[in-house]
Amino acid sequence: MTTERTEDYLKMLDSIIEKKGYAKVKDVSEIMNLNPSTVTGMFKKLDKEGYINYEKYGAVTLTSRGKEVACRTEEKYDVVKDFLLTFGLDTKTAEEDACKIEHAISPKTLKMLSRLTEFVTKDEDLPQWLNNFKFFYETGVYTRHAPEDKDDPLTHEKKEN
């Protein structure tokens, strides 16, 4: 089982390598705002554990094992972020929370969130209940109908806590 730190490094390395074909200590230290010696220490550990190919002062690439972990972590991040965005959370918070949740989510829960997001977004017009939920989230007002019908007194009622 990988640690959060390992997953974060591998995901970061994969992103850098996708852009320029390799990564260097400097790339990661600048992005993660870490001391280069800290990054070097982690690279040595990741190399020893078989996740990366690393030589001092050289370029870093992912091994197939490292690429697999990076892709799996990125997939978890994407599923959680998409779910949170679908239900109306702002992008910044969704990205921050997805980065935390990606490390703890079980495969079963991940599959459920993925399927729920896919189900809800299948139709170009989001289901009315999702729009109603977003309205409730923003206002605290419960509705059974389209939020646009807010002038109808039977449509909206303040949800009692």
C-alpha atoms as a PDB file:
ATOM      1  CA  MET A   1       0.000   0.000   0.000  1.00  0.00           C
ATOM      2  CA  THR A   2       1.339   3.405  -0.948  1.00  0.00           C
ATOM      3  CA  THR A   3       1.370   6.445   1.299  1.00  0.00           C
ATOM      4  CA  GLU A   4      -0.348   9.749   0.546  1.00  0.00           C
ATOM      5  CA  ARG A   5       3.047  11.346   0.065  1.00  0.00           C
ATOM      6  CA  THR A   6       4.120   8.681  -2.421  1.00  0.00           C
ATOM      7  CA  GLU A   7       0.872   9.063  -4.373  1.00  0.00           C
ATOM      8  CA  ASP A   8       1.214  12.866  -4.420  1.00  0.00           C
ATOM      9  CA  TYR A   9       4.796  12.681  -5.703  1.00  0.00           C
ATOM     10  CA  LEU A  10       3.948  10.107  -8.367  1.00  0.00           C
ATOM     11  CA  LYS A  11       0.929  12.084  -9.542  1.00  0.00           C
ATOM     12  CA  MET A  12       3.026  15.260  -9.692  1.00  0.00           C
ATOM     13  CA  LEU A  13       5.829  13.490 -11.558  1.00  0.00           C
ATOM     14  CA  ASP A  14       3.380  12.019 -14.052  1.00  0.00           C
ATOM     15  CA  SER A  15       1.979  15.473 -14.752  1.00  0.00           C
ATOM     16  CA  ILE A  16       5.440  16.961 -15.320  1.00  0.00           C
ATOM     17  CA  ILE A  17       6.592  14.017 -17.447  1.00  0.00           C
ATOM     18  CA  GLU A  18       3.453  14.260 -19.593  1.00  0.00           C
ATOM     19  CA  LYS A  19       4.403  17.843 -20.415  1.00  0.00           C
ATOM     20  CA  LYS A  20       8.132  17.576 -21.022  1.00  0.00           C
ATOM     21  CA  GLY A  21       9.050  13.890 -21.146  1.00  0.00           C
ATOM     22  CA  TYR A  22      10.976  13.821 -17.879  1.00  0.00           C
ATOM     23  CA  ALA A  23      11.146  15.554 -14.495  1.00  0.00           C
ATOM     24  CA  LYS A  24      13.953  16.997 -12.417  1.00  0.00           C
ATOM     25  CA  VAL A  25      14.311  17.734  -8.716  1.00  0.00           C
ATOM     26  CA  LYS A  26      13.969  21.445  -9.480  1.00  0.00           C
ATOM     27  CA  ASP A  27      10.585  20.926 -11.201  1.00  0.00           C
ATOM     28  CA  VAL A  28       9.068  19.172  -8.211  1.00  0.00           C
ATOM     29  CA  SER A  29      10.669  21.416  -5.578  1.00  0.00           C
ATOM     30  CA  GLU A  30       9.275  24.520  -7.305  1.00  0.00           C
ATOM     31  CA  ILE A  31       5.759  23.122  -7.785  1.00  0.00           C
ATOM     32  CA  MET A  32       5.481  21.612  -4.311  1.00  0.00           C
ATOM     33  CA  ASN A  33       7.370  24.488  -2.675  1.00  0.00           C
ATOM     34  CA  LEU A  34       9.884  22.114  -1.076  1.00  0.00           C
ATOM     35  CA  ASN A  35      13.601  22.247  -0.472  1.00  0.00           C
ATOM     36  CA  PRO A  36      15.466  20.405  -3.271  1.00  0.00           C
ATOM     37  CA  SER A  37      17.156  18.161  -0.687  1.00  0.00           C
ATOM     38  CA  THR A  38      13.724  17.032   0.524  1.00  0.00           C
ATOM     39  CA  VAL A  39      12.739  16.131  -3.039  1.00  0.00           C
ATOM     40  CA  THR A  40      16.044  14.342  -3.614  1.00  0.00           C
ATOM     41  CA  GLY A  41      15.462  12.259  -0.497  1.00  0.00           C
ATOM     42  CA  MET A  42      12.014  11.276  -1.704  1.00  0.00           C
ATOM     43  CA  PHE A  43      13.322  10.476  -5.181  1.00  0.00           C
ATOM     44  CA  LYS A  44      15.878   8.107  -3.646  1.00  0.00           C
ATOM     45  CA  LYS A  45      13.090   6.396  -1.700  1.00  0.00           C
ATOM     46  CA  LEU A  46      10.806   6.140  -4.749  1.00  0.00           C
ATOM     47  CA  ASP A  47      13.689   4.774  -6.818  1.00  0.00           C
ATOM     48  CA  LYS A  48      14.500   2.159  -4.179  1.00  0.00           C
ATOM     49  CA  GLU A  49      10.830   1.122  -4.015  1.00  0.00           C
ATOM     50  CA  GLY A  50      10.683   0.722  -7.803  1.00  0.00           C
ATOM     51  CA  TYR A  51       8.355   3.629  -8.626  1.00  0.00           C
ATOM     52  CA  ILE A  52      10.802   5.838 -10.545  1.00  0.00           C
ATOM     53  CA  ASN A  53      14.058   5.738 -12.466  1.00  0.00           C
ATOM     54  CA  TYR A  54      16.389   8.231 -10.816  1.00  0.00           C
ATOM     55  CA  GLU A  55      20.045   9.096 -11.077  1.00  0.00           C
ATOM     56  CA  LYS A  56      21.584  11.964  -9.147  1.00  0.00           C
ATOM     57  CA  TYR A  57      21.396  15.214 -11.186  1.00  0.00           C
ATOM     58  CA  GLY A  58      19.602  13.339 -13.954  1.00  0.00           C
ATOM     59  CA  ALA A  59      16.112  13.208 -15.356  1.00  0.00           C
ATOM     60  CA  VAL A  60      13.423  11.225 -13.561  1.00  0.00           C
ATOM     61  CA  THR A  61      10.913   8.951 -15.265  1.00  0.00           C
ATOM     62  CA  LEU A  62       8.234   6.689 -13.881  1.00  0.00           C
ATOM     63  CA  THR A  63       8.515   2.922 -13.942  1.00  0.00           C
ATOM     64  CA  SER A  64       5.441   0.997 -15.039  1.00  0.00           C
ATOM     65  CA  ARG A  65       4.656   0.482 -11.346  1.00  0.00           C
ATOM     66  CA  GLY A  66       4.973   4.217 -10.668  1.00  0.00           C
ATOM     67  CA  LYS A  67       2.856   5.085 -13.702  1.00  0.00           C
ATOM     68  CA  GLU A  68       0.154   2.666 -12.525  1.00  0.00           C
ATOM     69  CA  VAL A  69      -0.020   4.290  -9.076  1.00  0.00           C
ATOM     70  CA  ALA A  70       0.001   7.786 -10.591  1.00  0.00           C
ATOM     71  CA  CYS A  71      -2.828   6.928 -13.003  1.00  0.00           C
ATOM     72  CA  ARG A  72      -4.901   5.240 -10.303  1.00  0.00           C
ATOM     73  CA  THR A  73      -4.457   8.251  -7.993  1.00  0.00           C
ATOM     74  CA  GLU A  74      -5.338  10.688 -10.786  1.00  0.00           C
ATOM     75  CA  GLU A  75      -8.433   8.640 -11.627  1.00  0.00           C
ATOM     76  CA  LYS A  76      -9.604   8.783  -8.006  1.00  0.00           C
ATOM     77  CA  TYR A  77      -8.958  12.521  -7.926  1.00  0.00           C
ATOM     78  CA  ASP A  78     -10.915  13.060 -11.155  1.00  0.00           C
ATOM     79  CA  VAL A  79     -13.909  10.989 -10.013  1.00  0.00           C
ATOM     80  CA  VAL A  80     -14.171  12.772  -6.658  1.00  0.00           C
ATOM     81  CA  LYS A  81     -13.659  16.218  -8.193  1.00  0.00           C
ATOM     82  CA  ASP A  82     -16.274  15.573 -10.909  1.00  0.00           C
ATOM     83  CA  PHE A  83     -18.735  14.355  -8.291  1.00  0.00           C
ATOM     84  CA  LEU A  84     -18.237  17.449  -6.126  1.00  0.00           C
ATOM     85  CA  LEU A  85     -18.512  19.788  -9.102  1.00  0.00           C
ATOM     86  CA  THR A  86     -21.650  18.038 -10.351  1.00  0.00           C
ATOM     87  CA  PHE A  87     -23.328  18.674  -7.028  1.00  0.00           C
ATOM     88  CA  GLY A  88     -22.459  22.365  -7.076  1.00  0.00           C
ATOM     89  CA  LEU A  89     -19.237  22.784  -5.117  1.00  0.00           C
ATOM     90  CA  ASP A  90     -16.897  25.513  -6.360  1.00  0.00           C
ATOM     91  CA  THR A  91     -13.842  24.421  -8.352  1.00  0.00           C
ATOM     92  CA  LYS A  92     -11.189  25.480  -5.819  1.00  0.00           C
ATOM     93  CA  THR A  93     -12.821  23.601  -2.939  1.00  0.00           C
ATOM     94  CA  ALA A  94     -13.588  20.573  -5.132  1.00  0.00           C
ATOM     95  CA  GLU A  95      -9.939  20.353  -6.198  1.00  0.00           C
ATOM     96  CA  GLU A  96      -8.614  20.742  -2.644  1.00  0.00           C
ATOM     97  CA  ASP A  97     -11.036  18.188  -1.204  1.00  0.00           C
ATOM     98  CA  ALA A  98     -10.521  15.699  -4.039  1.00  0.00           C
ATOM     99  CA  CYS A  99      -6.775  15.836  -3.375  1.00  0.00           C
ATOM    100  CA  LYS A 100      -7.420  14.789   0.231  1.00  0.00           C
ATOM    101  CA  ILE A 101     -10.170  12.240  -0.430  1.00  0.00           C
ATOM    102  CA  GLU A 102      -8.300  10.476  -3.269  1.00  0.00           C
ATOM    103  CA  HIS A 103      -6.021   8.840  -0.703  1.00  0.00           C
ATOM    104  CA  ALA A 104      -8.738   7.420   1.517  1.00  0.00           C
ATOM    105  CA  ILE A 105     -11.592   6.426  -0.781  1.00  0.00           C
ATOM    106  CA  SER A 106     -12.349   2.727  -1.165  1.00  0.00           C
ATOM    107  CA  PRO A 107     -12.716   1.139  -4.613  1.00  0.00           C
ATOM    108  CA  LYS A 108     -16.381   0.404  -3.870  1.00  0.00           C
ATOM    109  CA  THR A 109     -17.167   4.016  -2.947  1.00  0.00           C
ATOM    110  CA  LEU A 110     -15.142   5.288  -5.901  1.00  0.00           C
ATOM    111  CA  LYS A 111     -17.179   3.132  -8.273  1.00  0.00           C
ATOM    112  CA  MET A 112     -20.445   4.352  -6.724  1.00  0.00           C
ATOM    113  CA  LEU A 113     -19.442   8.020  -7.032  1.00  0.00           C
ATOM    114  CA  SER A 114     -18.279   7.476 -10.598  1.00  0.00           C
ATOM    115  CA  ARG A 115     -21.505   5.744 -11.598  1.00  0.00           C
ATOM    116  CA  LEU A 116     -23.685   8.295  -9.807  1.00  0.00           C
ATOM    117  CA  THR A 117     -21.925  11.189 -11.525  1.00  0.00           C
ATOM    118  CA  GLU A 118     -22.166   9.425 -14.878  1.00  0.00           C
ATOM    119  CA  PHE A 119     -25.862   8.654 -14.306  1.00  0.00           C
ATOM    120  CA  VAL A 120     -26.724  12.196 -13.275  1.00  0.00           C
ATOM    121  CA  THR A 121     -24.853  13.804 -16.163  1.00  0.00           C
ATOM    122  CA  LYS A 122     -25.955  11.355 -18.913  1.00  0.00           C
ATOM    123  CA  ASP A 123     -28.693  13.729 -20.008  1.00  0.00           C
ATOM    124  CA  GLU A 124     -27.593  17.150 -21.234  1.00  0.00           C
ATOM    125  CA  ASP A 125     -30.345  18.672 -19.105  1.00  0.00           C
ATOM    126  CA  LEU A 126     -29.455  17.863 -15.522  1.00  0.00           C
ATOM    127  CA  PRO A 127     -32.256  16.115 -13.645  1.00  0.00           C
ATOM    128  CA  GLN A 128     -34.610  18.548 -11.927  1.00  0.00           C
ATOM    129  CA  TRP A 129     -33.852  17.082  -8.497  1.00  0.00           C
ATOM    130  CA  LEU A 130     -30.173  17.995  -8.938  1.00  0.00           C
ATOM    131  CA  ASN A 131     -31.076  21.568  -9.803  1.00  0.00           C
ATOM    132  CA  ASN A 132     -33.371  21.583  -6.773  1.00  0.00           C
ATOM    133  CA  PHE A 133     -30.535  20.315  -4.579  1.00  0.00           C
ATOM    134  CA  LYS A 134     -28.171  23.000  -5.878  1.00  0.00           C
ATOM    135  CA  PHE A 135     -30.836  25.629  -5.148  1.00  0.00           C
ATOM    136  CA  PHE A 136     -31.317  24.203  -1.645  1.00  0.00           C
ATOM    137  CA  TYR A 137     -27.552  24.139  -1.079  1.00  0.00           C
ATOM    138  CA  GLU A 138     -27.244  27.806  -2.039  1.00  0.00           C
ATOM    139  CA  THR A 139     -30.348  29.155  -0.310  1.00  0.00           C
ATOM    140  CA  GLY A 140     -31.496  26.674   2.333  1.00  0.00           C
ATOM    141  CA  VAL A 141     -34.900  26.723   0.662  1.00  0.00           C
ATOM    142  CA  TYR A 142     -36.432  23.377  -0.268  1.00  0.00           C
ATOM    143  CA  THR A 143     -38.323  23.072  -3.538  1.00  0.00           C
ATOM    144  CA  ARG A 144     -40.100  20.296  -5.371  1.00  0.00           C
ATOM    145  CA  HIS A 145     -40.278  22.257  -8.595  1.00  0.00           C
ATOM    146  CA  ALA A 146     -37.971  24.311 -10.758  1.00  0.00           C
ATOM    147  CA  PRO A 147     -36.236  27.068  -8.770  1.00  0.00           C
ATOM    148  CA  GLU A 148     -37.423  29.522 -11.419  1.00  0.00           C
ATOM    149  CA  ASP A 149     -40.975  29.071 -10.041  1.00  0.00           C
ATOM    150  CA  LYS A 150     -39.995  30.860  -6.813  1.00  0.00           C
ATOM    151  CA  ASP A 151     -42.984  33.231  -6.965  1.00  0.00           C
ATOM    152  CA  ASP A 152     -45.335  30.261  -6.510  1.00  0.00           C
ATOM    153  CA  PRO A 153     -45.932  30.024  -2.711  1.00  0.00           C
ATOM    154  CA  LEU A 154     -46.541  26.271  -2.965  1.00  0.00           C
ATOM    155  CA  THR A 155     -43.247  25.685  -4.664  1.00  0.00           C
ATOM    156  CA  HIS A 156     -40.777  26.792  -1.999  1.00  0.00           C
ATOM    157  CA  GLU A 157     -40.741  26.437   1.710  1.00  0.00           C
ATOM    158  CA  LYS A 158     -37.978  27.094   4.181  1.00  0.00           C
ATOM    159  CA  LYS A 159     -36.685  23.747   5.402  1.00  0.00           C
ATOM    160  CA  GLU A 160     -37.037  23.472   9.173  1.00  0.00           C
ATOM    161  CA  ASN A 161     -33.813  22.428  10.904  1.00  0.00           C
END
